[in-house]
Structure formats: C-alpha cells, structure tokens
Amino acid sequence: MRSAPTLRRTSAADRTGAPHRGDLVVVAVEAALLAAAVVVGLALNRRGVGLHADAAPLYATWRPHVGWGTPLAVLVALVVLGPGLRWARTARWGPLLAAGWLAAVAWTLALALVDGWSTGLARRLTPQAEYLHEVPGVTDIPRMLAGFTDRILDFQPDSWSTHTAGHPPGALLVFVWLDRVGLGGGAAAALCCVLVGATVAVSVPVTLRALGAADAARAVLPFLVLLPGAVWLGASGDAVFTGVVAAGLALLAVRGPAAALAGGLLLGFALHLSYGFVLVGALAVTVLALRPDRRRSALLAATAGVAAVTTLFVLAGFRWWEGYDRVVDRYYQGWAADRPYAYWVWANLAALLLSAGPVLGPALRRAAVAARAGWRTGVDRVGSTRVTAGADAGGTDPVGTSSSPGRSAGRLARRVVALGPTVLLPAAAALVVAAADLSGMSKAEVERIWLPFVVWLLVAVAHLPAPARRRWLAAQALTALLVNHLLLTVS
C-alpha cells in the first residue's frame, strides 16, 4: 500500500495544532485576494461594467437572511466537528461511508433550506434559463439528439435556453429521464441533485483507499461532508455533474477491468454533460497511473468505455466537437461578451476559494512541501518497507544512471507516481483549474462550474496535521454559513 510522502521532522506547531507561520501567510494571501475581488467587483458594478454578478466574484445577490435551515445547518456542523471527526478515524469503512453520505446530504439540504423550501429547492431548477424549462418539449429523445446542435446558437425561434445550450445533450437528458420515471418537477429534480452530489463524500475516499491512501481517505472525508461548495451543490445540475465525475474516477481506481470499463462509461457520459470535462482526462490519467497494479488493461477498458458512449451519441446524431464549436459562438452571444477577462481571470480564483474554503491554500502549500520532500529523497513507502523510487527492480540503480532514455523516463515516471495520490490528484486538479481559467471560457460562476475539480483539490487536506484539522474544518463550515446567510446564491 502506498501512502503520501511525509516530512521527516514534525514541527512543534504541527504536534500541538498551533497555526503554522506558512499557513498563516497563505491565509493572508487568500484574504487579500478575496477582498480585492469584492472591492474591485463593487467598483466595476457601480461603473456599469458588465460583470453580470451583483455580488462579484460570486454570481449572487447581497441579501442577509436566515431561514429554518439555519439551525439545521449549525447542528450538522457541530455533530461533524464533534463526534463525527473522531468517529471518522476509527469507524468501520462501510458504515463510515454511509454516514458520510448521509451527513453530506443533511448539510447540503440544510444550507439550501436557509433560503426556504421554494427558493432554495423546489423552484431552483425551474427558471426559463434552466434545464427543466426544456423538458416538456422533449417528446422524442432521438429527434432531440439529432437536432440538438442546430438549436445551440441564440436568437433563433427554437434556440435552447441558456443552460441547455451551454452543455452537451447529456445534461438535458438527465432531467428528461427523471421526468420519464416520475421524478419530474422542481422539487424531485432538486432532491435528486442533492442526493447525487453528496456521493462525492463516498467516491473521493473510495478512490484514495483504492490507491493505497486509507488514512488520507479518512482525513479527507469530513472536509467533503462540510464542503462550502455544498451551497451550490444544493439543487444544481452541477451537483449531478460532480457526482458522476467523482464516481467515474473512483471506478477507475478500483482493481479489475470491469470497474475500469464502468468508470470509462461514466466519464464518457460526463463528457456529454459538460464540454469542460474534456479536462477530466488529466485526473483520469493520474488515477490510472496511481493504481497499484498499473495494468494496461485498465487503460484500455476505460478508453473503450469513453469511446462506446461517444459512439452512441454520434450514432444518435450528436457530435461533441460540432457542439463545442457552436457553444463557443453561443457563449459570446451572451454575457461572456461583456464580462471582462482582465477581472475574471483572477477573480475566478477568489470565487474558487469560497467554494473550496479557506483550507485550500494551506492544504496545497503542505502538499507542495510534501512533494518537494518526497522528490528530494526519492522514497516510496510500500507497506512497511521503504524503496528508492528511482531504483530498478533490484533497488540498486539510481535515477539517471542508465544510458537508455526509455529506462530513465520510466524511472522518472515511477518517481513521480511515488509522490502519491494526496499530491498528484490535487496537482492534476490545479492544472485543470488553471487551464479552464486561462481559456476564457470560465468567466464567473466558477463557484459551481468548478465543483467537480474542487473535491479533488481538497484531497490535499490529508497533509494537514491531525491536531489542526478540527480548526480548519470549523473554518470551512463557517465559510459556507456566511456565504449562504449573507448572499442569495444563484445556480
């Protein structure tokens, strides 16, 4: 079993849980970034610049309020911070996952109900821009798929609504299928979104455990339960997207070609939920590389799954690449043409902080420190035995001594993989976020759009010292409560 690299010496601050100076510096940077995004956003809105976000950097409206979900949310937070955090370290694996999912459902529902049943849940998915607006008009699914691309561009009599046009047809299909099985309407669809979105509290820990980081899985789980991004997971199509992506990656991590095939099928469908999920490929490759067996059959099975789903959509008449070409044009027919890239390219990161929580910066800093230490020592833990990551099967040949470029590249790859899932998964997620941000196709609303990547960034919290985790988890819960009570968020 492989675990994340750790520092050889533990500071006194880490042993006692006292704040580390490096963490405090990172938190100060986070606070400065957030303050700048809010102040500049207010100034730009007053000048009439088209941010189209009243509470920039969030797509929300300033509206301090409380609701009957308020005491429920506080209660869930207190239970997780108290007995829940202790139980996560010792509970049997199956009951722990079940409890984690239930707690995540309770947290997400409680936050949604701060806005009330109607505003927070039942009517959240029913506005004209949302998917449910299109469901009654889909009477023939094959016909809808065959003509989907032709309706993406705006200013046509039969143009799709905003959310439907901005995604491949899989997103609309989810809600059409729910309607077909009797779960139509805003309330049922919203509850389904919550139930699926909360599965990240299962999928991410399962992935980590399958990749040999069982202790990390237990450490990360409470942070997935009290995820500040649950503010947007509640009654949002992005909750379904996040759950599907996380489940697909978890199946890739589990041994066996059948699981890899199932994971590929889910990720293939995810590719038809959002065009941006082409970036999930970086996470998928990372998971496959981290598998203890690293068999080529898993890669082939996963690829076959993605190809099978893509082929089915093509045969039905929808070609992903054609849809993407049209959606870029549609993107700039709307608010994206007004939203200034110069603001959103950095303000997006402030919105990400509110979705991932203040723990993000310190966790990533500690993961980077662990990565540097692991790279310098070239040490990989396998069970209780330390093996030089750069060595050959005999454990004697250091990296770079072979004259064969292929052998050297292989040893280098093994050394990278030896850094472990708690380093490489957040690193892959960070690269994906950076690519999405710089692309200019994510200007605003990233607090929900990037949720499928946020849950993998938070894997880095496994590097936090155990005595400090309760304090950081409390900060996470407080962030969610403040956002939900000061702002009226929009899915």
Protein backbone atom coordinates (compact mmCIF):
# COMPACT_ATOMS: atom_id res chain seq x y z
CA MET A 1 0.00 0.00 0.00
CA ARG A 2 1.32 3.42 -0.93
CA SER A 3 0.99 6.47 1.27
CA ALA A 4 1.74 10.11 0.66
CA PRO A 5 5.26 11.35 1.28
CA THR A 6 5.74 12.99 4.64
CA LEU A 7 8.33 15.26 6.16
CA ARG A 8 10.90 13.54 8.34
CA ARG A 9 10.61 16.07 11.12
CA THR A 10 7.38 17.37 12.61
CA SER A 11 7.37 20.89 13.97
CA ALA A 12 6.17 21.70 17.46
CA ALA A 13 3.31 23.70 15.93
CA ASP A 14 2.15 20.65 13.98
CA ARG A 15 2.26 18.43 17.06
CA THR A 16 0.12 20.84 19.07
CA GLY A 17 -2.12 22.06 16.29
CA ALA A 18 -0.92 25.65 16.67
CA PRO A 19 -1.07 27.74 13.48
CA HIS A 20 2.00 27.38 11.26
CA ARG A 21 3.52 30.61 10.02
CA GLY A 22 3.49 29.38 6.42
CA ASP A 23 -0.21 28.55 6.66
CA LEU A 24 -0.98 31.97 8.12
CA VAL A 25 0.85 33.67 5.27
CA VAL A 26 -1.19 31.71 2.73
CA VAL A 27 -4.45 32.56 4.52
CA ALA A 28 -3.45 36.23 4.45
CA VAL A 29 -2.91 35.99 0.69
CA GLU A 30 -6.32 34.32 0.33
CA ALA A 31 -7.96 37.09 2.35
CA ALA A 32 -6.27 39.77 0.27
CA LEU A 33 -7.35 38.11 -2.97
CA LEU A 34 -10.94 37.82 -1.80
CA ALA A 35 -11.05 41.40 -0.52
CA ALA A 36 -9.61 42.70 -3.80
CA ALA A 37 -12.14 40.73 -5.84
CA VAL A 38 -15.05 42.07 -3.77
CA VAL A 39 -13.85 45.70 -3.75
CA VAL A 40 -12.96 45.76 -7.44
CA GLY A 41 -16.22 43.98 -8.25
CA LEU A 42 -18.23 46.61 -6.37
CA ALA A 43 -16.37 49.40 -8.15
CA LEU A 44 -16.87 47.86 -11.59
CA ASN A 45 -20.57 47.25 -10.95
CA ARG A 46 -21.03 50.88 -9.89
CA ARG A 47 -19.35 51.99 -13.11
CA GLY A 48 -21.75 49.85 -15.11
CA VAL A 49 -19.16 47.39 -16.35
CA GLY A 50 -20.93 44.20 -17.45
CA LEU A 51 -19.85 41.79 -14.74
CA HIS A 52 -23.39 40.39 -14.57
CA ALA A 53 -22.75 39.36 -10.98
CA ASP A 54 -24.21 41.65 -8.32
CA ALA A 55 -22.02 40.14 -5.60
CA ALA A 56 -18.88 39.63 -7.68
CA PRO A 57 -16.81 37.49 -7.59
CA LEU A 58 -19.84 35.29 -6.86
CA TYR A 59 -22.87 35.05 -9.10
CA ALA A 60 -25.25 36.09 -6.34
CA THR A 61 -27.13 38.99 -4.78
CA TRP A 62 -26.30 40.64 -1.46
CA ARG A 63 -29.21 39.70 0.84
CA PRO A 64 -28.52 38.94 4.52
CA HIS A 65 -31.15 36.49 5.72
CA VAL A 66 -31.85 33.46 7.90
CA GLY A 67 -34.20 30.57 7.42
CA TRP A 68 -35.43 27.43 9.08
CA GLY A 69 -32.45 25.64 7.58
CA THR A 70 -30.15 27.80 9.72
CA PRO A 71 -30.37 25.78 12.98
CA LEU A 72 -30.24 22.53 10.99
CA ALA A 73 -27.01 23.58 9.28
CA VAL A 74 -25.43 24.63 12.57
CA LEU A 75 -26.46 21.33 14.15
CA VAL A 76 -24.95 19.26 11.32
CA ALA A 77 -21.71 21.24 11.55
CA LEU A 78 -21.47 20.72 15.30
CA VAL A 79 -22.09 16.98 15.01
CA VAL A 80 -19.42 16.57 12.32
CA LEU A 81 -16.94 18.74 14.20
CA GLY A 82 -17.52 16.84 17.43
CA PRO A 83 -18.18 13.11 17.41
CA GLY A 84 -18.11 12.89 13.63
CA LEU A 85 -14.48 13.94 13.32
CA ARG A 86 -13.42 11.44 15.98
CA TRP A 87 -15.55 8.66 14.52
CA ALA A 88 -14.03 9.15 11.06
CA ARG A 89 -10.68 7.98 12.42
CA THR A 90 -11.90 4.71 13.91
CA ALA A 91 -15.20 3.63 12.32
CA ARG A 92 -15.55 0.59 10.11
CA TRP A 93 -15.20 1.52 6.47
CA GLY A 94 -18.69 0.65 5.19
CA PRO A 95 -20.64 2.39 7.97
CA LEU A 96 -18.29 5.38 7.72
CA LEU A 97 -19.05 5.87 4.03
CA ALA A 98 -22.79 5.54 4.61
CA ALA A 99 -22.66 8.05 7.47
CA GLY A 100 -20.53 10.41 5.38
CA TRP A 101 -23.04 10.38 2.54
CA LEU A 102 -25.98 10.95 4.89
CA ALA A 103 -24.18 13.78 6.64
CA ALA A 104 -23.32 15.39 3.28
CA VAL A 105 -26.98 15.14 2.24
CA ALA A 106 -28.06 16.72 5.54
CA TRP A 107 -25.50 19.54 5.21
CA THR A 108 -26.47 20.33 1.62
CA LEU A 109 -30.20 20.26 2.33
CA ALA A 110 -29.81 22.40 5.45
CA LEU A 111 -27.88 25.05 3.53
CA ALA A 112 -30.47 25.03 0.73
CA LEU A 113 -33.30 25.42 3.24
CA VAL A 114 -31.76 28.59 4.63
CA ASP A 115 -33.33 30.14 1.53
CA GLY A 116 -36.60 28.31 2.16
CA TRP A 117 -38.19 25.28 0.52
CA SER A 118 -39.40 27.13 -2.57
CA THR A 119 -36.43 29.39 -3.29
CA GLY A 120 -33.76 27.00 -2.02
CA LEU A 121 -35.06 23.80 -3.59
CA ALA A 122 -38.42 23.47 -5.31
CA ARG A 123 -38.07 26.39 -7.74
CA ARG A 124 -34.29 26.43 -8.07
CA LEU A 125 -34.26 24.43 -11.31
CA THR A 126 -37.40 25.89 -12.89
CA PRO A 127 -36.41 29.35 -14.27
CA GLN A 128 -36.51 29.84 -18.02
CA ALA A 129 -32.72 29.55 -18.32
CA GLU A 130 -32.67 26.13 -16.60
CA TYR A 131 -32.91 22.56 -17.92
CA LEU A 132 -36.42 21.87 -16.62
CA HIS A 133 -37.77 24.60 -18.87
CA GLU A 134 -36.97 22.38 -21.87
CA VAL A 135 -38.14 19.02 -20.50
CA PRO A 136 -41.84 19.27 -21.55
CA GLY A 137 -40.80 19.93 -25.14
CA VAL A 138 -38.70 16.77 -25.43
CA THR A 139 -41.24 14.23 -26.66
CA ASP A 140 -38.85 12.32 -28.90
CA ILE A 141 -35.34 11.77 -27.47
CA PRO A 142 -33.70 10.52 -30.71
CA ARG A 143 -35.10 13.50 -32.59
CA MET A 144 -33.88 15.86 -29.86
CA LEU A 145 -30.36 14.41 -30.04
CA ALA A 146 -30.25 14.54 -33.84
CA GLY A 147 -31.23 18.20 -33.91
CA PHE A 148 -29.53 19.34 -30.71
CA THR A 149 -26.58 21.13 -32.33
CA ASP A 150 -28.79 23.14 -34.68
CA ARG A 151 -30.54 24.77 -31.70
CA ILE A 152 -27.44 25.88 -29.77
CA LEU A 153 -27.00 29.34 -31.31
CA ASP A 154 -29.14 32.10 -29.82
CA PHE A 155 -31.63 34.45 -31.45
CA GLN A 156 -33.47 31.66 -33.27
CA PRO A 157 -37.13 30.79 -32.75
CA ASP A 158 -36.22 27.38 -31.33
CA SER A 159 -32.94 28.22 -29.54
CA TRP A 160 -32.23 26.22 -26.42
CA SER A 161 -32.38 28.00 -23.07
CA THR A 162 -29.08 29.19 -21.60
CA HIS A 163 -28.05 26.18 -19.52
CA THR A 164 -29.22 23.64 -22.08
CA ALA A 165 -27.41 25.38 -24.94
CA GLY A 166 -24.23 25.69 -22.89
CA HIS A 167 -23.89 21.94 -22.35
CA PRO A 168 -23.96 18.79 -24.44
CA PRO A 169 -27.33 16.99 -24.52
CA GLY A 170 -26.45 14.63 -21.66
CA ALA A 171 -27.27 17.38 -19.17
CA LEU A 172 -30.81 17.78 -20.54
CA LEU A 173 -31.17 14.00 -20.83
CA VAL A 174 -30.66 13.57 -17.09
CA PHE A 175 -33.71 15.67 -16.32
CA VAL A 176 -35.74 14.17 -19.16
CA TRP A 177 -35.03 10.68 -17.78
CA LEU A 178 -36.01 11.81 -14.28
CA ASP A 179 -39.28 13.09 -15.69
CA ARG A 180 -39.85 9.81 -17.53
CA VAL A 181 -39.53 7.78 -14.31
CA GLY A 182 -41.94 10.02 -12.42
CA LEU A 183 -39.44 12.40 -10.81
CA GLY A 184 -40.36 15.46 -12.83
CA GLY A 185 -40.83 18.92 -11.41
CA GLY A 186 -38.53 21.18 -9.49
CA ALA A 187 -38.71 19.56 -6.06
CA ALA A 188 -37.99 15.99 -7.18
CA ALA A 189 -35.22 17.09 -9.55
CA ALA A 190 -33.64 19.23 -6.85
CA LEU A 191 -33.63 16.40 -4.33
CA CYS A 192 -32.06 14.07 -6.89
CA CYS A 193 -29.32 16.63 -7.47
CA VAL A 194 -28.60 16.79 -3.75
CA LEU A 195 -28.52 13.01 -3.38
CA VAL A 196 -26.15 12.56 -6.32
CA GLY A 197 -23.91 15.49 -5.43
CA ALA A 198 -23.43 14.19 -1.89
CA THR A 199 -21.90 10.98 -3.24
CA VAL A 200 -18.56 12.79 -3.54
CA ALA A 201 -18.21 12.08 0.20
CA VAL A 202 -18.09 8.41 -0.82
CA SER A 203 -16.37 8.45 -4.22
CA VAL A 204 -13.32 10.51 -3.29
CA PRO A 205 -12.47 8.48 -0.14
CA VAL A 206 -13.04 5.23 -2.07
CA THR A 207 -10.57 6.47 -4.69
CA LEU A 208 -7.94 7.31 -2.11
CA ARG A 209 -8.32 4.00 -0.30
CA ALA A 210 -8.10 2.05 -3.57
CA LEU A 211 -4.91 3.95 -4.39
CA GLY A 212 -3.31 2.95 -1.10
CA ALA A 213 -4.03 6.05 0.98
CA ALA A 214 -6.56 4.73 3.50
CA ASP A 215 -5.56 7.15 6.28
CA ALA A 216 -5.85 10.06 3.87
CA ALA A 217 -9.32 8.89 2.87
CA ARG A 218 -10.47 9.11 6.49
CA ALA A 219 -8.85 12.53 6.93
CA VAL A 220 -10.44 13.98 3.79
CA LEU A 221 -13.98 12.65 4.30
CA PRO A 222 -15.16 15.23 6.92
CA PHE A 223 -13.96 18.05 4.65
CA LEU A 224 -16.09 16.64 1.84
CA VAL A 225 -19.09 16.49 4.16
CA LEU A 226 -18.81 20.13 5.30
CA LEU A 227 -17.83 21.32 1.84
CA PRO A 228 -18.55 25.06 1.40
CA GLY A 229 -19.37 24.23 -2.21
CA ALA A 230 -22.45 22.45 -0.91
CA VAL A 231 -24.06 25.90 -1.11
CA TRP A 232 -24.10 25.30 -4.89
CA LEU A 233 -24.44 21.53 -4.84
CA GLY A 234 -27.91 22.07 -3.41
CA ALA A 235 -30.37 21.96 -6.30
CA SER A 236 -27.92 22.49 -9.13
CA GLY A 237 -27.24 20.48 -12.25
CA ASP A 238 -23.56 20.80 -11.37
CA ALA A 239 -24.22 18.56 -8.37
CA VAL A 240 -25.05 15.72 -10.76
CA PHE A 241 -22.00 16.51 -12.88
CA THR A 242 -19.74 16.49 -9.81
CA GLY A 243 -21.14 13.19 -8.58
CA VAL A 244 -20.82 11.48 -11.96
CA VAL A 245 -17.21 12.57 -12.48
CA ALA A 246 -16.18 11.53 -8.96
CA ALA A 247 -17.87 8.13 -9.32
CA GLY A 248 -16.20 7.55 -12.68
CA LEU A 249 -12.76 8.30 -11.25
CA ALA A 250 -13.45 6.08 -8.24
CA LEU A 251 -14.27 3.17 -10.52
CA LEU A 252 -11.02 3.73 -12.41
CA ALA A 253 -9.14 3.41 -9.12
CA VAL A 254 -10.77 0.10 -8.15
CA ARG A 255 -8.98 -3.01 -9.39
CA GLY A 256 -10.35 -5.00 -12.27
CA PRO A 257 -11.09 -4.23 -15.94
CA ALA A 258 -14.85 -4.38 -15.33
CA ALA A 259 -14.64 -1.48 -12.88
CA ALA A 260 -12.37 0.43 -15.28
CA LEU A 261 -14.88 -0.13 -18.08
CA ALA A 262 -17.71 1.15 -15.87
CA GLY A 263 -15.59 4.14 -14.94
CA GLY A 264 -14.93 4.83 -18.61
CA LEU A 265 -18.66 4.66 -19.38
CA LEU A 266 -19.42 7.18 -16.62
CA LEU A 267 -16.64 9.51 -17.73
CA GLY A 268 -17.79 9.16 -21.33
CA PHE A 269 -21.24 10.27 -20.24
CA ALA A 270 -19.68 13.06 -18.17
CA LEU A 271 -18.03 14.30 -21.36
CA HIS A 272 -21.58 14.74 -22.68
CA LEU A 273 -22.69 16.57 -19.55
CA SER A 274 -20.21 19.43 -19.90
CA TYR A 275 -17.75 20.37 -22.63
CA GLY A 276 -15.27 21.38 -19.95
CA PHE A 277 -14.99 17.78 -18.79
CA VAL A 278 -12.52 17.05 -21.53
CA LEU A 279 -10.12 18.35 -18.86
CA VAL A 280 -11.13 15.47 -16.57
CA GLY A 281 -8.82 13.39 -18.74
CA ALA A 282 -5.88 14.72 -16.69
CA LEU A 283 -7.45 13.39 -13.49
CA ALA A 284 -8.32 10.07 -15.13
CA VAL A 285 -4.76 9.53 -16.35
CA THR A 286 -3.47 10.40 -12.88
CA VAL A 287 -5.77 7.86 -11.23
CA LEU A 288 -4.79 5.14 -13.69
CA ALA A 289 -1.10 5.87 -13.17
CA LEU A 290 -1.55 5.66 -9.39
CA ARG A 291 -3.30 2.28 -9.44
CA PRO A 292 -1.16 -0.25 -7.56
CA ASP A 293 -1.31 -2.74 -10.45
CA ARG A 294 -0.90 -0.12 -13.24
CA ARG A 295 -2.10 -2.67 -15.79
CA ARG A 296 -2.59 -1.62 -19.38
CA SER A 297 -5.90 -3.49 -19.43
CA ALA A 298 -7.43 -0.86 -17.13
CA LEU A 299 -6.46 1.93 -19.51
CA LEU A 300 -7.84 0.01 -22.49
CA ALA A 301 -11.09 -0.78 -20.67
CA ALA A 302 -11.57 2.84 -19.60
CA THR A 303 -10.84 4.10 -23.09
CA ALA A 304 -13.31 1.61 -24.53
CA GLY A 305 -15.98 2.88 -22.15
CA VAL A 306 -15.47 6.52 -23.17
CA ALA A 307 -15.42 5.55 -26.84
CA ALA A 308 -18.61 3.49 -26.52
CA VAL A 309 -20.62 6.37 -25.05
CA THR A 310 -19.23 8.83 -27.59
CA THR A 311 -20.11 6.44 -30.42
CA LEU A 312 -23.69 6.10 -29.17
CA PHE A 313 -24.14 9.88 -29.17
CA VAL A 314 -22.61 10.14 -32.65
CA LEU A 315 -24.93 7.44 -33.96
CA ALA A 316 -27.85 9.34 -32.41
CA GLY A 317 -26.82 12.44 -34.34
CA PHE A 318 -24.83 14.50 -31.81
CA ARG A 319 -21.14 15.07 -32.43
CA TRP A 320 -19.35 16.53 -29.41
CA TRP A 321 -16.84 18.53 -31.45
CA GLU A 322 -19.55 20.16 -33.55
CA GLY A 323 -21.50 21.07 -30.43
CA TYR A 324 -18.42 22.61 -28.85
CA ASP A 325 -17.79 24.72 -31.94
CA ARG A 326 -21.33 26.09 -31.77
CA VAL A 327 -21.26 26.60 -28.00
CA VAL A 328 -18.21 28.88 -28.25
CA ASP A 329 -20.24 31.13 -30.55
CA ARG A 330 -23.26 30.95 -28.20
CA TYR A 331 -21.00 31.78 -25.25
CA TYR A 332 -20.06 35.11 -26.79
CA GLN A 333 -23.64 35.83 -27.84
CA GLY A 334 -24.46 36.25 -24.16
CA TRP A 335 -22.91 37.80 -21.06
CA ALA A 336 -19.44 36.45 -21.83
CA ALA A 337 -19.04 39.19 -24.43
CA ASP A 338 -19.45 41.82 -21.66
CA ARG A 339 -17.64 40.14 -18.77
CA PRO A 340 -14.07 41.48 -18.73
CA TYR A 341 -11.41 38.77 -18.89
CA ALA A 342 -8.96 41.06 -17.07
CA TYR A 343 -11.14 40.91 -13.94
CA TRP A 344 -12.45 37.37 -14.05
CA VAL A 345 -9.14 35.67 -14.80
CA TRP A 346 -8.06 36.39 -11.21
CA ALA A 347 -11.43 36.99 -9.52
CA ASN A 348 -12.41 33.43 -10.51
CA LEU A 349 -9.78 32.24 -8.04
CA ALA A 350 -11.46 34.22 -5.27
CA ALA A 351 -14.76 32.52 -6.11
CA LEU A 352 -12.94 29.19 -6.05
CA LEU A 353 -11.72 29.97 -2.52
CA LEU A 354 -15.29 30.47 -1.32
CA SER A 355 -16.35 27.19 -2.92
CA ALA A 356 -13.37 25.15 -1.69
CA GLY A 357 -12.98 27.01 1.59
CA PRO A 358 -10.04 28.78 3.29
CA VAL A 359 -8.32 25.45 3.92
CA LEU A 360 -7.45 25.21 0.23
CA GLY A 361 -4.34 27.39 0.28
CA PRO A 362 -2.71 25.88 3.41
CA ALA A 363 -3.55 22.36 2.24
CA LEU A 364 -1.99 22.92 -1.18
CA ARG A 365 1.05 24.53 0.45
CA ARG A 366 1.58 21.50 2.65
CA ALA A 367 1.08 19.14 -0.28
CA ALA A 368 3.74 21.08 -2.19
CA VAL A 369 6.13 20.84 0.77
CA ALA A 370 5.49 17.11 1.00
CA ALA A 371 6.05 16.75 -2.75
CA ARG A 372 9.36 18.57 -2.54
CA ALA A 373 10.49 16.40 0.36
CA GLY A 374 9.39 13.23 -1.41
CA TRP A 375 11.11 14.24 -4.63
CA ARG A 376 14.37 15.04 -2.89
CA THR A 377 14.53 11.79 -1.02
CA GLY A 378 13.08 9.69 -3.85
CA VAL A 379 11.46 7.50 -1.24
CA ASP A 380 8.29 5.47 -1.74
CA ARG A 381 6.60 3.56 1.06
CA VAL A 382 5.35 0.12 0.05
CA GLY A 383 3.71 -1.45 3.07
CA SER A 384 6.25 -1.03 5.87
CA THR A 385 9.29 -1.19 3.54
CA ARG A 386 10.98 1.85 2.04
CA VAL A 387 12.11 1.50 -1.55
CA THR A 388 14.08 4.01 -3.59
CA ALA A 389 11.55 5.23 -6.14
CA GLY A 390 14.19 5.75 -8.79
CA ALA A 391 15.67 2.28 -8.47
CA ASP A 392 15.15 -0.63 -10.79
CA ALA A 393 13.60 -3.91 -9.70
CA GLY A 394 16.74 -4.73 -7.78
CA GLY A 395 16.55 -1.46 -5.88
CA THR A 396 20.16 -0.51 -6.63
CA ASP A 397 20.17 1.64 -9.73
CA PRO A 398 19.64 5.39 -9.10
CA VAL A 399 17.65 7.54 -11.48
CA GLY A 400 19.58 8.72 -14.45
CA THR A 401 22.48 6.23 -14.39
CA SER A 402 21.16 4.20 -17.31
CA SER A 403 22.20 5.19 -20.80
CA SER A 404 18.78 4.17 -22.10
CA PRO A 405 16.40 7.18 -22.40
CA GLY A 406 13.44 4.81 -22.16
CA ARG A 407 14.62 3.28 -18.91
CA SER A 408 15.42 6.71 -17.46
CA ALA A 409 11.99 8.03 -18.46
CA GLY A 410 10.38 5.00 -16.85
CA ARG A 411 12.26 5.56 -13.61
CA LEU A 412 11.35 9.23 -13.67
CA ALA A 413 7.68 8.34 -14.14
CA ARG A 414 7.85 5.90 -11.21
CA ARG A 415 9.42 8.58 -9.08
CA VAL A 416 6.60 10.99 -9.90
CA VAL A 417 3.97 8.34 -9.16
CA ALA A 418 5.73 7.66 -5.86
CA LEU A 419 4.64 11.10 -4.66
CA GLY A 420 1.24 9.52 -4.05
CA PRO A 421 -2.42 10.41 -4.60
CA THR A 422 -2.57 13.17 -1.98
CA VAL A 423 0.00 15.10 -4.00
CA LEU A 424 -0.75 14.14 -7.59
CA LEU A 425 -4.56 14.34 -7.53
CA PRO A 426 -4.63 17.93 -6.17
CA ALA A 427 -1.82 18.82 -8.59
CA ALA A 428 -3.82 17.46 -11.53
CA ALA A 429 -6.94 19.30 -10.36
CA ALA A 430 -4.96 22.53 -10.00
CA LEU A 431 -3.65 22.20 -13.56
CA VAL A 432 -7.20 21.60 -14.81
CA VAL A 433 -8.49 24.69 -12.99
CA ALA A 434 -5.63 26.79 -14.36
CA ALA A 435 -6.39 25.63 -17.91
CA ALA A 436 -10.11 26.36 -17.50
CA ASP A 437 -9.37 29.79 -16.05
CA LEU A 438 -6.88 30.87 -18.69
CA SER A 439 -9.09 29.61 -21.52
CA GLY A 440 -11.52 32.49 -21.09
CA MET A 441 -14.43 30.04 -21.24
CA SER A 442 -14.96 30.29 -17.48
CA LYS A 443 -15.71 33.91 -16.71
CA ALA A 444 -17.75 33.95 -13.49
CA GLU A 445 -19.99 31.30 -11.91
CA VAL A 446 -16.97 29.05 -11.34
CA GLU A 447 -18.03 28.54 -7.72
CA ARG A 448 -20.37 25.87 -9.12
CA ILE A 449 -18.80 25.11 -12.52
CA TRP A 450 -15.50 24.03 -10.96
CA LEU A 451 -17.05 21.88 -8.21
CA PRO A 452 -16.03 18.63 -9.99
CA PHE A 453 -12.42 19.77 -9.58
CA VAL A 454 -12.77 21.34 -6.13
CA VAL A 455 -13.39 17.99 -4.44
CA TRP A 456 -10.05 16.70 -5.80
CA LEU A 457 -8.17 19.84 -4.78
CA LEU A 458 -9.34 19.17 -1.22
CA VAL A 459 -7.56 15.81 -1.19
CA ALA A 460 -4.56 17.90 -0.13
CA VAL A 461 -6.09 18.38 3.35
CA ALA A 462 -4.65 14.96 4.18
CA HIS A 463 -1.33 16.78 4.67
CA LEU A 464 -2.69 18.95 7.46
CA PRO A 465 -1.51 17.88 10.93
CA ALA A 466 -4.24 15.94 12.73
CA PRO A 467 -4.44 18.32 15.73
CA ALA A 468 -5.21 21.24 13.40
CA ARG A 469 -7.93 19.62 11.31
CA ARG A 470 -10.85 20.48 13.60
CA ARG A 471 -9.95 24.17 13.44
CA TRP A 472 -9.71 24.13 9.65
CA LEU A 473 -12.94 22.17 9.34
CA ALA A 474 -14.70 24.74 11.52
CA ALA A 475 -13.43 27.48 9.20
CA GLN A 476 -14.88 25.54 6.27
CA ALA A 477 -18.31 25.29 7.88
CA LEU A 478 -18.24 28.95 8.87
CA THR A 479 -17.44 29.96 5.29
CA ALA A 480 -20.46 28.08 3.97
CA LEU A 481 -22.74 29.55 6.62
CA LEU A 482 -21.57 33.12 5.99
CA VAL A 483 -21.93 32.85 2.22
CA ASN A 484 -25.38 31.29 2.48
CA HIS A 485 -26.67 33.81 5.02
CA LEU A 486 -25.18 36.99 3.51
CA LEU A 487 -25.95 36.23 -0.13
CA LEU A 488 -28.77 34.81 -2.17
CA THR A 489 -26.88 32.49 -4.48
CA VAL A 490 -27.98 31.56 -7.98
CA SER A 491 -27.42 28.16 -9.55
